[in-house]
Amino acid sequence: YPLPGSLGFEEQDAKTFASWGIDYLKYDNCHHDGSKPIERYLVMSKALKKAGRPIFFSLCEWGEMHPAEWGFHVGNSWRTTCDITDTWESMISRADQNELYAQYARPGGWNDPDMLEIGNGGMTKDEYIVHFSLWAISKAPLLLGCDIRNMTQETIEIISNKEVIAVNQDSYGIQARKARMHGDEEIWVAPLSSYRTVVVILNRGSVRYSVTAFWEDMGLDPNTVVEARDLWEHKTLKNRFVGNITTMLNPHSCKMYVLKPIS
């Protein structure tokens, strides 16, 4: 039996949320009446704009009707996937689905592959680092899905990585794309402000091996010399790199670098 919802009471509820000081509304798709999502969500969008308080509008219709294609004119973020679970397979597949809509993300409107599972215990530390890295480089909302009252130090260290969060919050707001896929190797890339580039070099497989990211794949001139900042080690590598950067990766792990041209 459906619980009470906002359908038909959008203006009343929007005003109530505003009076409560609400900053963020996740508007779910449960028990709808069969009408088109773009029509239902637009009603609440207009109600929120009249409510007298800026409220972030998160569309959660599970990506069924490709909300990335129309969400920018309705809300501030939109789910591109069905619900995530706390497993590697679920997480990585949500990242894959979300990447398909990269062209639609921009400041004011974001693709949302669902909440972060870090701290819930179903993945390894390396897998959670991949999770946070891919959500950050994809400019996805960084919403915690764990019990924040009982976070371990390891969880806190992952979710409070200021350098990775800074990538997520970069003023360009450009979502990463997969620049290259080769078997279990992937290179995820996005331009950043101040002429920088961020790259996640990912090993999706179960074997440790070396992975190389090439400048050509990232839209950089092959002769560009860069300084590489390792965002998880919090250190700038001593070497300078020209044409490519190579790293050894354990199974289900990644490296995240910000590349800064120096010549």
Protein backbone atom coordinates (compact mmCIF):
# COMPACT_ATOMS: atom_id res chain seq x y z
CA TYR A 1 0.00 0.00 0.00
CA PRO A 2 1.54 3.33 -1.04
CA LEU A 3 2.49 5.80 1.64
CA PRO A 4 1.42 9.45 1.28
CA GLY A 5 3.49 11.36 -1.27
CA SER A 6 3.67 14.77 -2.90
CA LEU A 7 1.75 13.92 -6.07
CA GLY A 8 -1.07 16.46 -6.27
CA PHE A 9 0.26 18.38 -3.26
CA GLU A 10 3.45 19.78 -4.76
CA GLU A 11 2.95 23.45 -3.89
CA GLN A 12 1.83 22.69 -0.35
CA ASP A 13 4.78 20.38 0.25
CA ALA A 14 7.31 22.71 -1.37
CA LYS A 15 6.20 25.55 0.93
CA THR A 16 6.36 23.21 3.92
CA PHE A 17 9.90 22.10 3.02
CA ALA A 18 10.95 25.74 2.66
CA SER A 19 9.45 26.60 6.04
CA TRP A 20 11.47 23.77 7.59
CA GLY A 21 14.71 25.19 6.16
CA ILE A 22 15.23 22.26 3.79
CA ASP A 23 18.19 22.65 1.38
CA TYR A 24 17.92 19.44 -0.65
CA LEU A 25 14.95 17.48 -1.94
CA LYS A 26 15.40 14.00 -3.37
CA TYR A 27 12.14 13.44 -5.20
CA ASP A 28 11.54 9.73 -5.74
CA ASN A 29 9.53 7.95 -8.41
CA CYS A 30 7.76 5.41 -6.22
CA HIS A 31 4.02 4.74 -6.64
CA HIS A 32 3.52 7.26 -9.45
CA ASP A 33 0.26 7.40 -11.39
CA GLY A 34 1.73 6.34 -14.73
CA SER A 35 2.11 9.88 -16.05
CA LYS A 36 5.32 10.95 -17.73
CA PRO A 37 8.19 11.74 -15.34
CA ILE A 38 9.06 14.94 -17.18
CA GLU A 39 5.54 16.20 -16.48
CA ARG A 40 5.41 15.12 -12.82
CA TYR A 41 8.88 16.42 -11.97
CA LEU A 42 8.23 19.73 -13.71
CA VAL A 43 5.29 20.40 -11.38
CA MET A 44 7.49 20.04 -8.29
CA SER A 45 10.24 22.05 -9.97
CA LYS A 46 7.89 24.99 -10.45
CA ALA A 47 6.56 24.61 -6.89
CA LEU A 48 10.06 24.74 -5.44
CA LYS A 49 10.89 27.90 -7.41
CA LYS A 50 7.83 29.58 -5.85
CA ALA A 51 8.53 28.32 -2.33
CA GLY A 52 10.69 31.27 -1.29
CA ARG A 53 13.86 29.35 -0.53
CA PRO A 54 16.59 27.91 -2.80
CA ILE A 55 16.25 24.11 -2.59
CA PHE A 56 18.48 21.71 -4.55
CA PHE A 57 16.14 19.48 -6.57
CA SER A 58 17.39 15.91 -7.02
CA LEU A 59 15.36 13.95 -9.55
CA CYS A 60 15.24 10.27 -8.69
CA GLU A 61 13.33 8.49 -11.45
CA TRP A 62 16.05 5.84 -11.73
CA GLY A 63 17.19 6.80 -15.22
CA GLU A 64 14.22 5.09 -16.84
CA MET A 65 13.27 7.88 -19.25
CA HIS A 66 16.81 9.22 -19.80
CA PRO A 67 16.47 12.19 -17.44
CA ALA A 68 19.94 13.42 -18.44
CA GLU A 69 18.34 14.55 -21.68
CA TRP A 70 15.75 16.78 -20.00
CA GLY A 71 16.73 17.12 -16.34
CA PHE A 72 18.75 20.33 -16.63
CA HIS A 73 15.59 22.35 -17.27
CA VAL A 74 13.79 20.71 -14.34
CA GLY A 75 16.24 20.11 -11.50
CA ASN A 76 19.84 20.17 -10.32
CA SER A 77 20.76 16.48 -10.49
CA TRP A 78 19.13 13.37 -11.88
CA ARG A 79 19.64 9.70 -11.25
CA THR A 80 21.04 7.97 -14.32
CA THR A 81 20.81 4.47 -12.84
CA CYS A 82 18.69 2.20 -10.72
CA ASP A 83 19.67 1.76 -7.07
CA ILE A 84 23.27 0.99 -6.17
CA THR A 85 24.26 -1.79 -3.77
CA ASP A 86 27.45 -2.21 -1.76
CA THR A 87 29.31 -4.47 -4.19
CA TRP A 88 32.06 -3.94 -6.74
CA GLU A 89 29.87 -5.15 -9.60
CA SER A 90 27.02 -2.80 -8.72
CA MET A 91 29.30 0.19 -8.18
CA ILE A 92 31.35 -0.20 -11.34
CA SER A 93 28.28 -0.83 -13.50
CA ARG A 94 26.64 2.35 -12.17
CA ALA A 95 29.79 4.28 -13.09
CA ASP A 96 29.64 2.77 -16.59
CA GLN A 97 25.98 3.71 -17.09
CA ASN A 98 26.55 7.21 -15.77
CA GLU A 99 29.49 7.82 -18.11
CA LEU A 100 27.22 7.39 -21.13
CA TYR A 101 25.55 10.71 -20.27
CA ALA A 102 28.72 12.74 -19.62
CA GLN A 103 27.87 15.33 -22.28
CA TYR A 104 24.78 16.44 -20.37
CA ALA A 105 26.47 17.36 -17.07
CA ARG A 106 27.42 20.97 -16.42
CA PRO A 107 27.35 23.52 -13.61
CA GLY A 108 23.82 23.59 -12.24
CA GLY A 109 22.88 20.11 -13.43
CA TRP A 110 24.61 16.83 -12.66
CA ASN A 111 24.39 13.14 -13.51
CA ASP A 112 23.81 11.08 -10.37
CA PRO A 113 24.87 7.39 -10.33
CA ASP A 114 23.41 7.06 -6.78
CA MET A 115 24.92 7.48 -3.35
CA LEU A 116 28.33 6.45 -2.07
CA GLU A 117 28.56 3.03 -0.42
CA ILE A 118 31.92 3.74 1.27
CA GLY A 119 31.85 2.59 4.88
CA ASN A 120 29.12 -0.03 4.51
CA GLY A 121 31.61 -2.91 4.46
CA GLY A 122 30.84 -4.70 1.20
CA MET A 123 33.99 -3.66 -0.67
CA THR A 124 37.72 -3.47 0.00
CA LYS A 125 39.62 -0.26 0.72
CA ASP A 126 41.00 -0.22 -2.85
CA GLU A 127 37.51 -0.70 -4.25
CA TYR A 128 36.13 2.13 -2.15
CA ILE A 129 38.98 4.37 -3.36
CA VAL A 130 37.98 3.51 -6.94
CA HIS A 131 34.37 4.31 -6.00
CA PHE A 132 35.22 7.75 -4.59
CA SER A 133 37.64 8.52 -7.43
CA LEU A 134 35.13 7.72 -10.19
CA TRP A 135 32.30 9.65 -8.51
CA ALA A 136 34.61 12.64 -8.01
CA ILE A 137 36.01 12.72 -11.55
CA SER A 138 32.47 12.23 -12.87
CA LYS A 139 31.31 15.32 -10.95
CA ALA A 140 28.65 13.17 -9.32
CA PRO A 141 26.96 14.22 -6.07
CA LEU A 142 29.08 12.96 -3.15
CA LEU A 143 26.30 11.77 -0.86
CA LEU A 144 27.24 9.44 1.98
CA GLY A 145 25.22 6.25 2.23
CA CYS A 146 26.81 4.89 5.41
CA ASP A 147 25.98 5.49 9.06
CA ILE A 148 28.05 8.61 9.76
CA ARG A 149 27.80 7.94 13.52
CA ASN A 150 29.94 4.82 13.20
CA MET A 151 32.53 5.56 10.52
CA THR A 152 35.96 3.97 10.79
CA GLN A 153 39.12 6.03 10.43
CA GLU A 154 39.68 4.36 7.05
CA THR A 155 36.26 5.51 5.83
CA ILE A 156 36.84 9.04 7.10
CA GLU A 157 40.20 9.21 5.32
CA ILE A 158 38.63 8.19 2.00
CA ILE A 159 35.61 10.47 2.07
CA SER A 160 37.50 13.49 3.41
CA ASN A 161 40.27 13.51 0.78
CA LYS A 162 40.26 17.24 0.05
CA GLU A 163 42.26 16.92 -3.17
CA VAL A 164 39.79 14.44 -4.64
CA ILE A 165 36.83 16.51 -3.45
CA ALA A 166 38.42 19.56 -5.13
CA VAL A 167 38.31 17.67 -8.46
CA ASN A 168 34.61 17.01 -7.91
CA GLN A 169 34.03 20.69 -7.14
CA ASP A 170 36.19 22.13 -9.94
CA SER A 171 34.68 25.25 -11.46
CA TYR A 172 34.67 23.81 -15.00
CA GLY A 173 32.19 21.14 -13.93
CA ILE A 174 33.09 18.86 -16.85
CA GLN A 175 32.27 15.18 -16.31
CA ALA A 176 34.96 12.62 -17.09
CA ARG A 177 34.82 10.32 -20.08
CA LYS A 178 36.56 7.04 -20.72
CA ALA A 179 39.43 8.03 -22.98
CA ARG A 180 40.47 4.42 -23.50
CA MET A 181 39.25 0.93 -22.68
CA HIS A 182 41.44 -2.12 -23.25
CA GLY A 183 40.33 -5.29 -21.52
CA ASP A 184 40.31 -4.50 -17.82
CA GLU A 185 42.33 -1.30 -18.29
CA GLU A 186 40.49 2.01 -18.37
CA ILE A 187 41.58 5.64 -18.57
CA TRP A 188 39.04 8.18 -17.29
CA VAL A 189 39.84 11.83 -18.09
CA ALA A 190 38.42 15.29 -17.51
CA PRO A 191 39.78 18.80 -18.07
CA LEU A 192 40.13 20.99 -14.98
CA SER A 193 40.48 24.71 -14.51
CA SER A 194 43.93 26.35 -14.69
CA TYR A 195 44.98 24.27 -17.72
CA ARG A 196 45.08 21.04 -15.70
CA THR A 197 43.84 17.54 -16.53
CA VAL A 198 42.67 14.88 -14.10
CA VAL A 199 43.02 11.20 -14.93
CA VAL A 200 41.92 8.01 -13.19
CA ILE A 201 43.93 4.99 -14.33
CA LEU A 202 41.85 1.94 -13.46
CA ASN A 203 42.42 -1.80 -13.23
CA ARG A 204 38.99 -3.46 -13.28
CA GLY A 205 40.44 -6.96 -13.41
CA SER A 206 41.62 -9.58 -10.93
CA VAL A 207 45.33 -9.55 -11.90
CA ARG A 208 48.01 -6.99 -10.97
CA TYR A 209 49.55 -5.30 -13.98
CA SER A 210 50.99 -2.12 -15.44
CA VAL A 211 48.70 0.43 -17.12
CA THR A 212 49.75 3.39 -19.27
CA ALA A 213 47.79 6.56 -20.00
CA PHE A 214 48.79 8.32 -23.21
CA TRP A 215 48.56 12.05 -23.79
CA GLU A 216 46.88 11.50 -27.20
CA ASP A 217 43.99 9.72 -25.48
CA MET A 218 43.55 12.67 -23.13
CA GLY A 219 43.59 15.41 -25.74
CA LEU A 220 47.04 16.64 -24.74
CA ASP A 221 49.83 17.47 -27.15
CA PRO A 222 52.21 14.45 -27.14
CA ASN A 223 55.17 16.75 -26.45
CA THR A 224 53.66 18.40 -23.39
CA VAL A 225 55.76 18.06 -20.23
CA VAL A 226 53.63 17.68 -17.12
CA GLU A 227 53.97 17.54 -13.37
CA ALA A 228 51.84 14.77 -11.84
CA ARG A 229 50.13 15.07 -8.48
CA ASP A 230 49.05 11.78 -6.88
CA LEU A 231 45.79 12.63 -5.11
CA TRP A 232 45.68 9.54 -2.89
CA GLU A 233 49.35 9.64 -1.87
CA HIS A 234 49.15 13.44 -1.50
CA LYS A 235 52.46 13.93 -3.22
CA THR A 236 53.80 15.44 -6.41
CA LEU A 237 55.88 12.89 -8.28
CA LYS A 238 59.55 13.79 -8.70
CA ASN A 239 59.68 12.72 -12.33
CA ARG A 240 58.35 14.88 -15.15
CA PHE A 241 56.29 13.08 -17.77
CA VAL A 242 56.13 13.50 -21.55
CA GLY A 243 53.71 11.61 -23.78
CA ASN A 244 52.43 9.15 -21.19
CA ILE A 245 52.37 8.06 -17.56
CA THR A 246 52.58 4.44 -16.40
CA THR A 247 51.60 2.91 -13.09
CA MET A 248 51.41 -0.56 -11.55
CA LEU A 249 47.94 -1.39 -10.27
CA ASN A 250 46.62 -4.09 -7.97
CA PRO A 251 43.32 -5.77 -8.88
CA HIS A 252 40.28 -3.49 -8.51
CA SER A 253 42.40 -0.42 -7.84
CA CYS A 254 43.26 2.90 -9.41
CA LYS A 255 45.58 5.86 -9.44
CA MET A 256 44.28 9.41 -9.65
CA TYR A 257 46.58 12.12 -10.95
CA VAL A 258 46.22 15.81 -11.68
CA LEU A 259 48.51 16.64 -14.61
CA LYS A 260 49.81 20.20 -14.80
CA PRO A 261 51.71 21.36 -17.91
CA ILE A 262 55.09 22.92 -17.10
CA SER A 263 56.31 23.53 -20.66
